[in-house]
């Protein structure tokens, strides 16, 4: 099993930056993909960014050029550097880990989420 704990959320003014972190524990060697999703009130959860064990990265169009996902394999963590934040980025951000490269994956794990609020 995999456990995920997010941190780094908070309140920031538009144009500011935050860095989210996700620490994974458990059966971490089996993780193929880690990513970040977000969910705003009244909206569906959406993919923000993801990275594979092979180093591929994907970003939502809305965050390209502003957000960067990175991983520290030695510490079993993934980070999301968020720059030039906009009010539309306000959401609960969730860390996600996947086991298996199929769609859907064999297993999918979620953190409890961290709130990001961007004021104008």
N, C-alpha and C. Protein backbone atom coordinates (compact mmCIF):
# COMPACT_ATOMS: atom_id res chain seq x y z
N UNK A 1 0.84 -1.19 0.00
CA UNK A 1 0.00 0.00 0.00
C UNK A 1 0.88 1.24 0.00
N UNK A 2 0.29 2.35 -0.42
CA UNK A 2 0.99 3.62 -0.50
C UNK A 2 0.20 4.65 0.28
N UNK A 3 0.91 5.43 1.06
CA UNK A 3 0.32 6.54 1.78
C UNK A 3 0.94 7.84 1.28
N UNK A 4 0.12 8.86 1.11
CA UNK A 4 0.56 10.13 0.57
C UNK A 4 0.13 11.25 1.51
N UNK A 5 1.05 12.16 1.79
CA UNK A 5 0.77 13.29 2.66
C UNK A 5 1.24 14.55 1.97
N UNK A 6 0.30 15.48 1.74
CA UNK A 6 0.62 16.74 1.09
C UNK A 6 0.92 17.82 2.12
N UNK A 7 1.68 18.80 1.70
CA UNK A 7 1.96 19.96 2.53
C UNK A 7 2.31 21.13 1.62
N UNK A 8 2.29 22.32 2.18
CA UNK A 8 2.72 23.49 1.45
C UNK A 8 1.63 24.41 0.97
N UNK A 9 0.38 24.03 1.16
CA UNK A 9 -0.70 24.89 0.74
C UNK A 9 -0.82 26.10 1.64
N UNK A 10 -1.63 27.04 1.21
CA UNK A 10 -1.81 28.24 1.99
C UNK A 10 -2.51 29.32 1.21
N UNK A 11 -2.47 30.51 1.76
CA UNK A 11 -3.08 31.69 1.16
C UNK A 11 -2.00 32.57 0.57
N UNK A 12 -2.19 32.96 -0.67
CA UNK A 12 -1.20 33.79 -1.35
C UNK A 12 -1.92 34.77 -2.27
N UNK A 13 -1.31 35.90 -2.48
CA UNK A 13 -1.87 36.88 -3.40
C UNK A 13 -1.57 36.49 -4.85
N UNK A 14 -2.42 36.95 -5.74
CA UNK A 14 -2.19 36.71 -7.15
C UNK A 14 -0.80 37.18 -7.55
N UNK A 15 -0.13 36.36 -8.33
CA UNK A 15 1.22 36.64 -8.74
C UNK A 15 2.27 36.03 -7.84
N UNK A 16 1.85 35.51 -6.71
CA UNK A 16 2.77 34.89 -5.78
C UNK A 16 3.06 33.45 -6.12
N UNK A 17 3.81 32.81 -5.24
CA UNK A 17 4.24 31.44 -5.48
C UNK A 17 4.03 30.58 -4.25
N UNK A 18 3.84 29.31 -4.49
CA UNK A 18 3.78 28.30 -3.46
C UNK A 18 4.46 27.05 -3.97
N UNK A 19 4.96 26.28 -3.05
CA UNK A 19 5.56 25.00 -3.40
C UNK A 19 4.89 23.91 -2.58
N UNK A 20 4.22 23.01 -3.27
CA UNK A 20 3.57 21.89 -2.63
C UNK A 20 4.51 20.70 -2.61
N UNK A 21 4.39 19.91 -1.56
CA UNK A 21 5.19 18.71 -1.44
C UNK A 21 4.30 17.54 -1.10
N UNK A 22 4.67 16.39 -1.57
CA UNK A 22 3.95 15.16 -1.29
C UNK A 22 4.95 14.10 -0.92
N UNK A 23 4.81 13.57 0.27
CA UNK A 23 5.69 12.51 0.75
C UNK A 23 4.97 11.18 0.66
N UNK A 24 5.60 10.23 0.02
CA UNK A 24 5.04 8.90 -0.15
C UNK A 24 5.71 7.91 0.78
N UNK A 25 4.93 7.01 1.29
CA UNK A 25 5.46 5.95 2.13
C UNK A 25 4.71 4.67 1.83
N UNK A 26 5.26 3.57 2.29
CA UNK A 26 4.67 2.28 2.02
C UNK A 26 5.41 1.57 0.90
N UNK A 27 4.65 1.01 -0.01
CA UNK A 27 5.23 0.26 -1.13
C UNK A 27 5.63 1.22 -2.25
N UNK A 28 6.58 2.08 -1.95
CA UNK A 28 6.92 3.15 -2.87
C UNK A 28 7.63 2.66 -4.12
N UNK A 29 8.29 1.53 -4.04
CA UNK A 29 9.02 1.02 -5.20
C UNK A 29 8.09 0.65 -6.35
N UNK A 30 6.84 0.43 -6.06
CA UNK A 30 5.89 0.02 -7.08
C UNK A 30 5.24 1.19 -7.81
N UNK A 31 5.50 2.40 -7.39
CA UNK A 31 4.86 3.57 -7.98
C UNK A 31 5.45 3.86 -9.36
N UNK A 32 4.58 3.99 -10.34
CA UNK A 32 4.99 4.31 -11.70
C UNK A 32 4.75 5.78 -12.06
N UNK A 33 3.72 6.36 -11.47
CA UNK A 33 3.31 7.71 -11.79
C UNK A 33 2.95 8.44 -10.52
N UNK A 34 3.34 9.69 -10.42
CA UNK A 34 2.87 10.56 -9.37
C UNK A 34 2.43 11.87 -10.00
N UNK A 35 1.42 12.45 -9.42
CA UNK A 35 0.92 13.68 -9.99
C UNK A 35 0.15 14.51 -8.99
N UNK A 36 -0.30 15.63 -9.49
CA UNK A 36 -1.10 16.55 -8.70
C UNK A 36 -2.42 16.82 -9.41
N UNK A 37 -3.49 16.73 -8.68
CA UNK A 37 -4.81 17.09 -9.14
C UNK A 37 -5.32 18.22 -8.27
N UNK A 38 -6.35 18.89 -8.74
CA UNK A 38 -6.98 19.90 -7.93
C UNK A 38 -8.48 19.88 -8.14
N UNK A 39 -9.19 20.34 -7.14
CA UNK A 39 -10.63 20.39 -7.20
C UNK A 39 -11.12 21.67 -6.54
N UNK A 40 -11.76 22.50 -7.32
CA UNK A 40 -12.36 23.73 -6.82
C UNK A 40 -13.80 23.45 -6.41
N UNK A 41 -14.35 24.26 -5.53
CA UNK A 41 -15.75 24.05 -5.13
C UNK A 41 -16.69 24.03 -6.33
N UNK A 42 -17.53 23.02 -6.38
CA UNK A 42 -18.48 22.90 -7.46
C UNK A 42 -17.91 22.38 -8.76
N UNK A 43 -16.65 22.02 -8.76
CA UNK A 43 -15.99 21.54 -9.97
C UNK A 43 -15.49 20.12 -9.78
N UNK A 44 -15.24 19.47 -10.89
CA UNK A 44 -14.67 18.13 -10.85
C UNK A 44 -13.17 18.20 -10.63
N UNK A 45 -12.64 17.14 -10.09
CA UNK A 45 -11.21 17.06 -9.91
C UNK A 45 -10.51 16.99 -11.27
N UNK A 46 -9.46 17.77 -11.43
CA UNK A 46 -8.77 17.82 -12.70
C UNK A 46 -7.27 17.61 -12.51
N UNK A 47 -6.67 17.04 -13.51
CA UNK A 47 -5.22 16.83 -13.49
C UNK A 47 -4.51 18.16 -13.67
N UNK A 48 -3.52 18.40 -12.83
CA UNK A 48 -2.68 19.59 -12.93
C UNK A 48 -1.35 19.24 -13.58
N UNK A 49 -0.69 18.23 -13.06
CA UNK A 49 0.60 17.81 -13.57
C UNK A 49 0.88 16.39 -13.11
N UNK A 50 1.69 15.69 -13.86
CA UNK A 50 2.07 14.35 -13.49
C UNK A 50 3.45 14.04 -14.02
N UNK A 51 4.11 13.11 -13.39
CA UNK A 51 5.42 12.66 -13.83
C UNK A 51 5.50 11.16 -13.67
N UNK A 52 6.16 10.51 -14.62
CA UNK A 52 6.32 9.07 -14.58
C UNK A 52 7.69 8.71 -14.05
N UNK A 53 7.83 7.44 -13.70
CA UNK A 53 9.12 6.97 -13.22
C UNK A 53 10.19 7.09 -14.30
N UNK A 54 9.79 7.14 -15.56
CA UNK A 54 10.73 7.33 -16.65
C UNK A 54 11.08 8.77 -16.94
N UNK A 55 10.48 9.69 -16.20
CA UNK A 55 10.83 11.09 -16.33
C UNK A 55 9.91 11.92 -17.21
N UNK A 56 8.89 11.33 -17.78
CA UNK A 56 7.95 12.10 -18.60
C UNK A 56 7.09 12.98 -17.70
N UNK A 57 6.76 14.15 -18.18
CA UNK A 57 5.90 15.07 -17.47
C UNK A 57 4.77 15.55 -18.37
N UNK A 58 3.65 15.81 -17.75
CA UNK A 58 2.49 16.36 -18.44
C UNK A 58 1.89 17.45 -17.59
N UNK A 59 1.37 18.48 -18.23
CA UNK A 59 0.77 19.60 -17.54
C UNK A 59 -0.56 19.96 -18.17
N UNK A 60 -1.47 20.40 -17.33
CA UNK A 60 -2.68 20.99 -17.85
C UNK A 60 -2.33 22.27 -18.59
N UNK A 61 -3.07 22.55 -19.65
CA UNK A 61 -2.80 23.75 -20.43
C UNK A 61 -2.87 25.01 -19.58
N UNK A 62 -3.73 25.01 -18.59
CA UNK A 62 -3.93 26.19 -17.78
C UNK A 62 -2.75 26.53 -16.88
N UNK A 63 -1.84 25.58 -16.68
CA UNK A 63 -0.71 25.82 -15.78
C UNK A 63 0.63 25.76 -16.48
N UNK A 64 0.65 25.45 -17.75
CA UNK A 64 1.91 25.37 -18.47
C UNK A 64 2.64 26.70 -18.42
N UNK A 65 3.92 26.62 -18.14
CA UNK A 65 4.74 27.81 -18.03
C UNK A 65 4.73 28.44 -16.66
N UNK A 66 3.82 28.01 -15.79
CA UNK A 66 3.73 28.56 -14.45
C UNK A 66 4.05 27.53 -13.37
N UNK A 67 3.65 26.29 -13.60
CA UNK A 67 3.84 25.23 -12.61
C UNK A 67 4.92 24.27 -13.10
N UNK A 68 5.64 23.70 -12.17
CA UNK A 68 6.66 22.71 -12.48
C UNK A 68 6.56 21.56 -11.49
N UNK A 69 6.45 20.36 -12.01
CA UNK A 69 6.44 19.18 -11.16
C UNK A 69 7.84 18.58 -11.15
N UNK A 70 8.26 18.14 -10.00
CA UNK A 70 9.56 17.52 -9.87
C UNK A 70 9.49 16.43 -8.81
N UNK A 71 10.42 15.53 -8.87
CA UNK A 71 10.45 14.44 -7.92
C UNK A 71 11.84 14.31 -7.32
N UNK A 72 11.85 13.89 -6.09
CA UNK A 72 13.09 13.59 -5.39
C UNK A 72 12.98 12.13 -4.98
N UNK A 73 13.50 11.26 -5.82
CA UNK A 73 13.34 9.83 -5.60
C UNK A 73 14.03 9.36 -4.34
N UNK A 74 15.13 9.99 -3.99
CA UNK A 74 15.84 9.59 -2.79
C UNK A 74 15.03 9.84 -1.54
N UNK A 75 14.13 10.80 -1.60
CA UNK A 75 13.29 11.14 -0.46
C UNK A 75 11.84 10.72 -0.65
N UNK A 76 11.56 10.06 -1.76
CA UNK A 76 10.21 9.58 -2.06
C UNK A 76 9.19 10.71 -2.00
N UNK A 77 9.55 11.81 -2.64
CA UNK A 77 8.68 12.97 -2.64
C UNK A 77 8.48 13.50 -4.05
N UNK A 78 7.38 14.19 -4.23
CA UNK A 78 7.12 14.91 -5.45
C UNK A 78 6.70 16.32 -5.06
N UNK A 79 7.11 17.29 -5.87
CA UNK A 79 6.84 18.68 -5.57
C UNK A 79 6.11 19.34 -6.74
N UNK A 80 5.39 20.36 -6.41
CA UNK A 80 4.75 21.19 -7.42
C UNK A 80 5.08 22.63 -7.11
N UNK A 81 5.96 23.20 -7.91
CA UNK A 81 6.30 24.61 -7.78
C UNK A 81 5.28 25.41 -8.57
N UNK A 82 4.57 26.28 -7.90
CA UNK A 82 3.51 27.06 -8.52
C UNK A 82 3.91 28.53 -8.48
N UNK A 83 4.14 29.09 -9.65
CA UNK A 83 4.51 30.49 -9.78
C UNK A 83 3.41 31.26 -10.49
N UNK A 84 3.44 32.57 -10.31
CA UNK A 84 2.46 33.44 -10.94
C UNK A 84 1.04 32.93 -10.72
N UNK A 85 0.73 32.67 -9.48
CA UNK A 85 -0.57 32.10 -9.16
C UNK A 85 -1.70 33.07 -9.49
N UNK A 86 -2.80 32.49 -9.90
CA UNK A 86 -3.98 33.24 -10.27
C UNK A 86 -5.15 32.82 -9.38
N UNK A 87 -6.14 33.69 -9.20
CA UNK A 87 -7.30 33.30 -8.40
C UNK A 87 -7.96 32.01 -8.89
N UNK A 88 -7.92 31.76 -10.18
CA UNK A 88 -8.51 30.55 -10.72
C UNK A 88 -7.76 29.29 -10.31
N UNK A 89 -6.59 29.43 -9.73
CA UNK A 89 -5.85 28.29 -9.21
C UNK A 89 -6.34 27.85 -7.85
N UNK A 90 -7.22 28.62 -7.25
CA UNK A 90 -7.75 28.28 -5.94
C UNK A 90 -8.46 26.94 -5.98
N UNK A 91 -8.04 26.03 -5.13
CA UNK A 91 -8.60 24.69 -5.11
C UNK A 91 -7.93 23.90 -4.00
N UNK A 92 -8.48 22.73 -3.75
CA UNK A 92 -7.78 21.76 -2.93
C UNK A 92 -6.91 20.93 -3.86
N UNK A 93 -5.64 20.86 -3.55
CA UNK A 93 -4.70 20.13 -4.37
C UNK A 93 -4.41 18.77 -3.75
N UNK A 94 -4.50 17.74 -4.57
CA UNK A 94 -4.34 16.37 -4.12
C UNK A 94 -3.14 15.72 -4.79
N UNK A 95 -2.36 15.06 -4.00
CA UNK A 95 -1.28 14.24 -4.52
C UNK A 95 -1.85 12.88 -4.93
N UNK A 96 -1.34 12.34 -6.02
CA UNK A 96 -1.82 11.08 -6.55
C UNK A 96 -0.64 10.20 -6.94
N UNK A 97 -0.76 8.93 -6.66
CA UNK A 97 0.23 7.95 -7.07
C UNK A 97 -0.46 6.79 -7.75
N UNK A 98 0.19 6.26 -8.77
CA UNK A 98 -0.36 5.16 -9.54
C UNK A 98 0.61 4.01 -9.60
N UNK A 99 0.07 2.81 -9.51
CA UNK A 99 0.83 1.59 -9.70
C UNK A 99 0.33 0.94 -10.97
N UNK A 100 1.22 0.73 -11.92
CA UNK A 100 0.85 0.20 -13.22
C UNK A 100 0.69 1.32 -14.22
N UNK A 101 1.02 1.04 -15.47
CA UNK A 101 0.96 2.04 -16.52
C UNK A 101 -0.28 1.91 -17.39
N UNK A 102 -1.19 1.07 -17.01
CA UNK A 102 -2.42 0.92 -17.75
C UNK A 102 -3.39 2.04 -17.40
N UNK A 103 -4.42 2.16 -18.20
CA UNK A 103 -5.47 3.13 -17.95
C UNK A 103 -6.80 2.42 -17.88
N UNK A 104 -7.42 2.33 -16.73
CA UNK A 104 -6.97 2.85 -15.44
C UNK A 104 -5.80 2.07 -14.88
N UNK A 105 -5.07 2.66 -13.96
CA UNK A 105 -3.93 1.94 -13.36
C UNK A 105 -4.41 0.80 -12.47
N UNK A 106 -3.49 -0.10 -12.16
CA UNK A 106 -3.82 -1.21 -11.28
C UNK A 106 -4.28 -0.71 -9.92
N UNK A 107 -3.57 0.30 -9.41
CA UNK A 107 -3.90 0.89 -8.13
C UNK A 107 -3.70 2.39 -8.22
N UNK A 108 -4.53 3.12 -7.52
CA UNK A 108 -4.43 4.56 -7.47
C UNK A 108 -4.60 5.00 -6.03
N UNK A 109 -3.70 5.85 -5.57
CA UNK A 109 -3.71 6.32 -4.20
C UNK A 109 -3.80 7.84 -4.17
N UNK A 110 -4.46 8.35 -3.16
CA UNK A 110 -4.68 9.78 -3.01
C UNK A 110 -4.27 10.27 -1.64
N UNK A 111 -3.71 11.47 -1.62
CA UNK A 111 -3.52 12.15 -0.36
C UNK A 111 -4.81 12.81 0.08
N UNK A 112 -4.79 13.42 1.24
CA UNK A 112 -6.00 14.04 1.78
C UNK A 112 -6.22 15.45 1.25
N UNK A 113 -5.26 16.02 0.59
CA UNK A 113 -5.41 17.32 -0.02
C UNK A 113 -4.87 18.45 0.82
N UNK A 114 -4.47 19.51 0.15
CA UNK A 114 -4.02 20.72 0.81
C UNK A 114 -4.64 21.91 0.11
N UNK A 115 -5.15 22.86 0.88
CA UNK A 115 -5.87 23.99 0.33
C UNK A 115 -4.91 25.05 -0.19
N UNK A 116 -5.17 25.49 -1.41
CA UNK A 116 -4.46 26.62 -1.99
C UNK A 116 -5.49 27.69 -2.31
N UNK A 117 -5.30 28.85 -1.74
CA UNK A 117 -6.21 29.97 -1.97
C UNK A 117 -5.41 31.15 -2.50
N UNK A 118 -5.82 31.65 -3.65
CA UNK A 118 -5.15 32.77 -4.29
C UNK A 118 -6.11 33.94 -4.30
N UNK A 119 -5.72 35.01 -3.65
CA UNK A 119 -6.55 36.19 -3.58
C UNK A 119 -6.14 37.19 -4.65
N UNK A 120 -7.09 38.01 -5.06
CA UNK A 120 -6.81 39.04 -6.05
C UNK A 120 -6.51 40.38 -5.42
